[in-house]
N, C-alpha and C. Protein backbone atom coordinates (compact mmCIF):
# COMPACT_ATOMS: atom_id res chain seq x y z
N UNK A 1 0.44 -21.09 -4.69
CA UNK A 1 0.74 -19.79 -4.18
C UNK A 1 -0.60 -19.00 -4.20
N UNK A 2 -0.92 -18.36 -3.07
CA UNK A 2 -2.14 -17.64 -2.98
C UNK A 2 -2.07 -16.32 -3.70
N UNK A 3 -3.20 -15.66 -3.93
CA UNK A 3 -3.20 -14.36 -4.59
C UNK A 3 -2.41 -13.37 -3.78
N UNK A 4 -2.55 -13.36 -2.47
CA UNK A 4 -1.84 -12.44 -1.64
C UNK A 4 -0.30 -12.63 -1.80
N UNK A 5 0.15 -13.88 -1.84
CA UNK A 5 1.58 -14.12 -1.97
C UNK A 5 2.07 -13.69 -3.36
N UNK A 6 1.25 -13.88 -4.39
CA UNK A 6 1.61 -13.39 -5.75
C UNK A 6 1.73 -11.87 -5.75
N UNK A 7 0.74 -11.20 -5.13
CA UNK A 7 0.82 -9.72 -5.09
C UNK A 7 2.06 -9.24 -4.33
N UNK A 8 2.35 -9.88 -3.21
CA UNK A 8 3.53 -9.51 -2.45
C UNK A 8 4.86 -9.69 -3.29
N UNK A 9 4.89 -10.81 -3.97
CA UNK A 9 6.07 -11.05 -4.81
C UNK A 9 6.21 -10.00 -5.88
N UNK A 10 5.11 -9.69 -6.54
CA UNK A 10 5.11 -8.63 -7.59
C UNK A 10 5.50 -7.28 -6.96
N UNK A 11 5.03 -6.97 -5.77
CA UNK A 11 5.29 -5.74 -5.10
C UNK A 11 6.81 -5.63 -4.80
N UNK A 12 7.34 -6.69 -4.25
CA UNK A 12 8.75 -6.69 -3.88
C UNK A 12 9.74 -6.61 -5.03
N UNK A 13 9.32 -6.95 -6.22
CA UNK A 13 10.15 -6.83 -7.45
C UNK A 13 10.33 -5.40 -7.81
N UNK A 14 9.44 -4.53 -7.40
CA UNK A 14 9.47 -3.11 -7.71
C UNK A 14 9.49 -2.80 -9.19
N UNK A 15 8.65 -3.50 -9.94
CA UNK A 15 8.68 -3.44 -11.38
C UNK A 15 8.16 -2.13 -11.93
N UNK A 16 7.39 -1.35 -11.16
CA UNK A 16 6.84 -0.14 -11.67
C UNK A 16 5.50 -0.30 -12.29
N UNK A 17 4.94 -1.48 -12.28
CA UNK A 17 3.60 -1.66 -12.83
C UNK A 17 2.66 -2.24 -11.71
N UNK A 18 2.83 -1.72 -10.50
CA UNK A 18 1.98 -2.12 -9.41
C UNK A 18 0.98 -1.00 -9.14
N UNK A 19 -0.32 -1.34 -9.26
CA UNK A 19 -1.35 -0.32 -9.18
C UNK A 19 -1.76 0.00 -7.76
N UNK A 20 -2.45 1.11 -7.62
CA UNK A 20 -2.97 1.49 -6.33
C UNK A 20 -4.04 0.50 -5.84
N UNK A 21 -4.84 -0.02 -6.76
CA UNK A 21 -5.82 -1.04 -6.36
C UNK A 21 -5.16 -2.32 -5.87
N UNK A 22 -4.03 -2.70 -6.49
CA UNK A 22 -3.31 -3.90 -6.02
C UNK A 22 -2.75 -3.58 -4.62
N UNK A 23 -2.29 -2.37 -4.38
CA UNK A 23 -1.81 -2.03 -3.05
C UNK A 23 -2.88 -2.16 -2.01
N UNK A 24 -4.09 -1.68 -2.35
CA UNK A 24 -5.23 -1.83 -1.44
C UNK A 24 -5.43 -3.28 -1.05
N UNK A 25 -5.42 -4.15 -2.07
CA UNK A 25 -5.64 -5.59 -1.83
C UNK A 25 -4.46 -6.15 -0.99
N UNK A 26 -3.23 -5.80 -1.31
CA UNK A 26 -2.07 -6.30 -0.62
C UNK A 26 -2.10 -5.89 0.90
N UNK A 27 -2.35 -4.60 1.13
CA UNK A 27 -2.45 -4.11 2.51
C UNK A 27 -3.63 -4.71 3.26
N UNK A 28 -4.71 -4.96 2.59
CA UNK A 28 -5.89 -5.55 3.25
C UNK A 28 -5.50 -6.98 3.74
N UNK A 29 -4.65 -7.66 2.99
CA UNK A 29 -4.19 -8.98 3.43
C UNK A 29 -3.33 -8.91 4.68
N UNK A 30 -2.75 -7.73 5.00
CA UNK A 30 -2.00 -7.52 6.21
C UNK A 30 -2.86 -6.81 7.28
N UNK A 31 -4.15 -6.80 7.12
CA UNK A 31 -5.12 -6.24 8.03
C UNK A 31 -5.06 -4.70 8.10
N UNK A 32 -4.69 -4.03 6.98
CA UNK A 32 -4.77 -2.58 6.86
C UNK A 32 -6.10 -2.21 6.24
N UNK A 33 -6.66 -1.13 6.73
CA UNK A 33 -7.94 -0.60 6.17
C UNK A 33 -7.62 0.81 5.68
N UNK A 34 -8.21 1.17 4.56
CA UNK A 34 -8.06 2.47 3.99
C UNK A 34 -8.92 3.49 4.75
N UNK A 35 -8.35 4.58 5.26
CA UNK A 35 -9.13 5.56 5.93
C UNK A 35 -9.72 6.52 4.86
N UNK A 36 -10.98 6.78 4.94
CA UNK A 36 -11.59 7.65 4.02
C UNK A 36 -12.14 8.85 4.78
N UNK A 37 -11.79 10.03 4.29
CA UNK A 37 -12.21 11.27 4.95
C UNK A 37 -13.16 12.07 4.10
N UNK A 38 -13.81 11.41 3.18
CA UNK A 38 -14.82 12.07 2.34
C UNK A 38 -14.17 12.60 1.04
N UNK A 39 -14.97 13.32 0.27
CA UNK A 39 -14.53 13.80 -1.01
C UNK A 39 -13.46 14.84 -0.90
N UNK A 40 -13.33 15.52 0.22
CA UNK A 40 -12.35 16.60 0.34
C UNK A 40 -10.97 16.14 0.77
N UNK A 41 -10.78 14.86 0.95
CA UNK A 41 -9.46 14.37 1.41
C UNK A 41 -8.40 14.50 0.34
N UNK A 42 -8.78 14.72 -0.90
CA UNK A 42 -7.79 14.85 -1.96
C UNK A 42 -7.08 13.57 -2.31
N UNK A 43 -5.86 13.69 -2.79
CA UNK A 43 -5.20 12.49 -3.25
C UNK A 43 -4.37 11.80 -2.11
N UNK A 44 -4.35 12.39 -0.94
CA UNK A 44 -3.62 11.81 0.18
C UNK A 44 -4.50 10.77 0.86
N UNK A 45 -3.95 9.58 1.06
CA UNK A 45 -4.69 8.49 1.70
C UNK A 45 -3.87 7.89 2.84
N UNK A 46 -4.53 7.22 3.74
CA UNK A 46 -3.90 6.56 4.82
C UNK A 46 -4.48 5.17 4.96
N UNK A 47 -3.60 4.25 5.34
CA UNK A 47 -4.05 2.86 5.63
C UNK A 47 -3.64 2.61 7.05
N UNK A 48 -4.55 2.10 7.89
CA UNK A 48 -4.29 1.85 9.29
C UNK A 48 -4.46 0.38 9.57
N UNK A 49 -3.52 -0.14 10.38
CA UNK A 49 -3.60 -1.51 10.86
C UNK A 49 -4.19 -1.46 12.26
N UNK A 50 -5.39 -1.97 12.39
CA UNK A 50 -6.09 -1.88 13.66
C UNK A 50 -5.47 -2.80 14.73
N UNK A 51 -4.66 -3.73 14.31
CA UNK A 51 -3.97 -4.60 15.33
C UNK A 51 -2.89 -3.85 16.10
N UNK A 52 -2.16 -2.97 15.38
CA UNK A 52 -1.03 -2.29 16.06
C UNK A 52 -1.07 -0.76 15.89
N UNK A 53 -2.17 -0.27 15.28
CA UNK A 53 -2.36 1.19 15.05
C UNK A 53 -1.27 1.82 14.19
N UNK A 54 -0.65 1.03 13.37
CA UNK A 54 0.35 1.55 12.45
C UNK A 54 -0.34 2.19 11.24
N UNK A 55 0.12 3.36 10.82
CA UNK A 55 -0.47 4.06 9.70
C UNK A 55 0.54 4.22 8.58
N UNK A 56 0.11 3.93 7.39
CA UNK A 56 0.87 4.19 6.18
C UNK A 56 0.21 5.31 5.39
N UNK A 57 0.91 6.40 5.12
CA UNK A 57 0.31 7.49 4.38
C UNK A 57 1.03 7.64 3.02
N UNK A 58 0.24 7.95 2.00
CA UNK A 58 0.83 8.22 0.74
C UNK A 58 -0.18 9.00 -0.14
N UNK A 59 0.29 9.50 -1.28
CA UNK A 59 -0.57 10.14 -2.24
C UNK A 59 -0.97 9.10 -3.29
N UNK A 60 -2.24 9.17 -3.72
CA UNK A 60 -2.68 8.31 -4.78
C UNK A 60 -1.87 8.71 -6.03
N UNK A 61 -1.44 7.73 -6.83
CA UNK A 61 -0.64 8.08 -8.00
C UNK A 61 -1.58 8.79 -9.06
N UNK A 62 -0.98 9.76 -9.70
CA UNK A 62 -1.68 10.38 -10.80
C UNK A 62 -0.68 10.95 -11.73
N UNK A 63 -0.85 11.06 -12.99
CA UNK A 63 -2.14 10.88 -13.64
C UNK A 63 -2.52 9.41 -13.87
N UNK A 64 -1.60 8.50 -13.77
CA UNK A 64 -1.89 7.08 -13.96
C UNK A 64 -2.30 6.44 -12.63
N UNK A 65 -2.38 5.15 -12.61
CA UNK A 65 -2.75 4.39 -11.43
C UNK A 65 -1.59 3.59 -10.84
N UNK A 66 -0.42 3.58 -11.52
CA UNK A 66 0.72 2.81 -11.08
C UNK A 66 1.49 3.59 -9.98
N UNK A 67 1.93 2.86 -8.91
CA UNK A 67 2.74 3.49 -7.91
C UNK A 67 4.10 3.83 -8.43
N UNK A 68 4.65 4.90 -7.91
CA UNK A 68 6.04 5.28 -8.26
C UNK A 68 6.99 4.43 -7.42
N UNK A 69 8.21 4.29 -7.93
CA UNK A 69 9.24 3.46 -7.25
C UNK A 69 9.47 3.94 -5.81
N UNK A 70 9.56 5.24 -5.62
CA UNK A 70 9.80 5.74 -4.31
C UNK A 70 8.68 5.40 -3.30
N UNK A 71 7.44 5.36 -3.81
CA UNK A 71 6.33 4.96 -2.97
C UNK A 71 6.45 3.51 -2.54
N UNK A 72 6.82 2.67 -3.49
CA UNK A 72 6.98 1.24 -3.22
C UNK A 72 8.05 1.08 -2.19
N UNK A 73 9.21 1.76 -2.39
CA UNK A 73 10.31 1.66 -1.42
C UNK A 73 9.92 2.11 -0.03
N UNK A 74 9.13 3.17 0.10
CA UNK A 74 8.73 3.67 1.37
C UNK A 74 7.80 2.67 2.07
N UNK A 75 6.88 2.12 1.32
CA UNK A 75 5.94 1.12 1.89
C UNK A 75 6.66 -0.10 2.33
N UNK A 76 7.60 -0.60 1.52
CA UNK A 76 8.42 -1.76 1.90
C UNK A 76 9.18 -1.46 3.21
N UNK A 77 9.74 -0.30 3.34
CA UNK A 77 10.47 0.06 4.57
C UNK A 77 9.53 0.07 5.74
N UNK A 78 8.32 0.64 5.58
CA UNK A 78 7.33 0.66 6.65
C UNK A 78 6.94 -0.74 7.07
N UNK A 79 6.68 -1.62 6.13
CA UNK A 79 6.26 -2.96 6.47
C UNK A 79 7.43 -3.78 7.09
N UNK A 80 8.64 -3.52 6.66
CA UNK A 80 9.79 -4.21 7.27
C UNK A 80 10.02 -3.70 8.69
N UNK A 81 9.89 -2.38 8.90
CA UNK A 81 10.06 -1.84 10.25
C UNK A 81 9.08 -2.40 11.23
N UNK A 82 7.87 -2.70 10.76
CA UNK A 82 6.82 -3.25 11.59
C UNK A 82 6.91 -4.80 11.64
N UNK A 83 7.92 -5.34 10.98
CA UNK A 83 8.16 -6.78 10.92
C UNK A 83 6.94 -7.56 10.34
N UNK A 84 6.30 -6.93 9.36
CA UNK A 84 5.17 -7.56 8.69
C UNK A 84 5.66 -8.38 7.53
N UNK A 85 6.75 -7.91 6.84
CA UNK A 85 7.40 -8.71 5.79
C UNK A 85 8.85 -8.86 6.16
């Protein structure tokens, strides 16, 4: 099983210990790139898939680095709607 497959499996379990950095890696495996708007962009980030121009927007988790369950649910819905997973 590849690292990407392991991350996807961990993500789909919705365990609550999935980090923002792991999300970056997971989405990069689906050809998403993080949009950076400089230091003033705040905690809001966007990931864009250049193949289909699909954008996923979310806030970086804080004070910790783990994604909240609702964020995971929203991202799963987005990826399913785009038939990526």
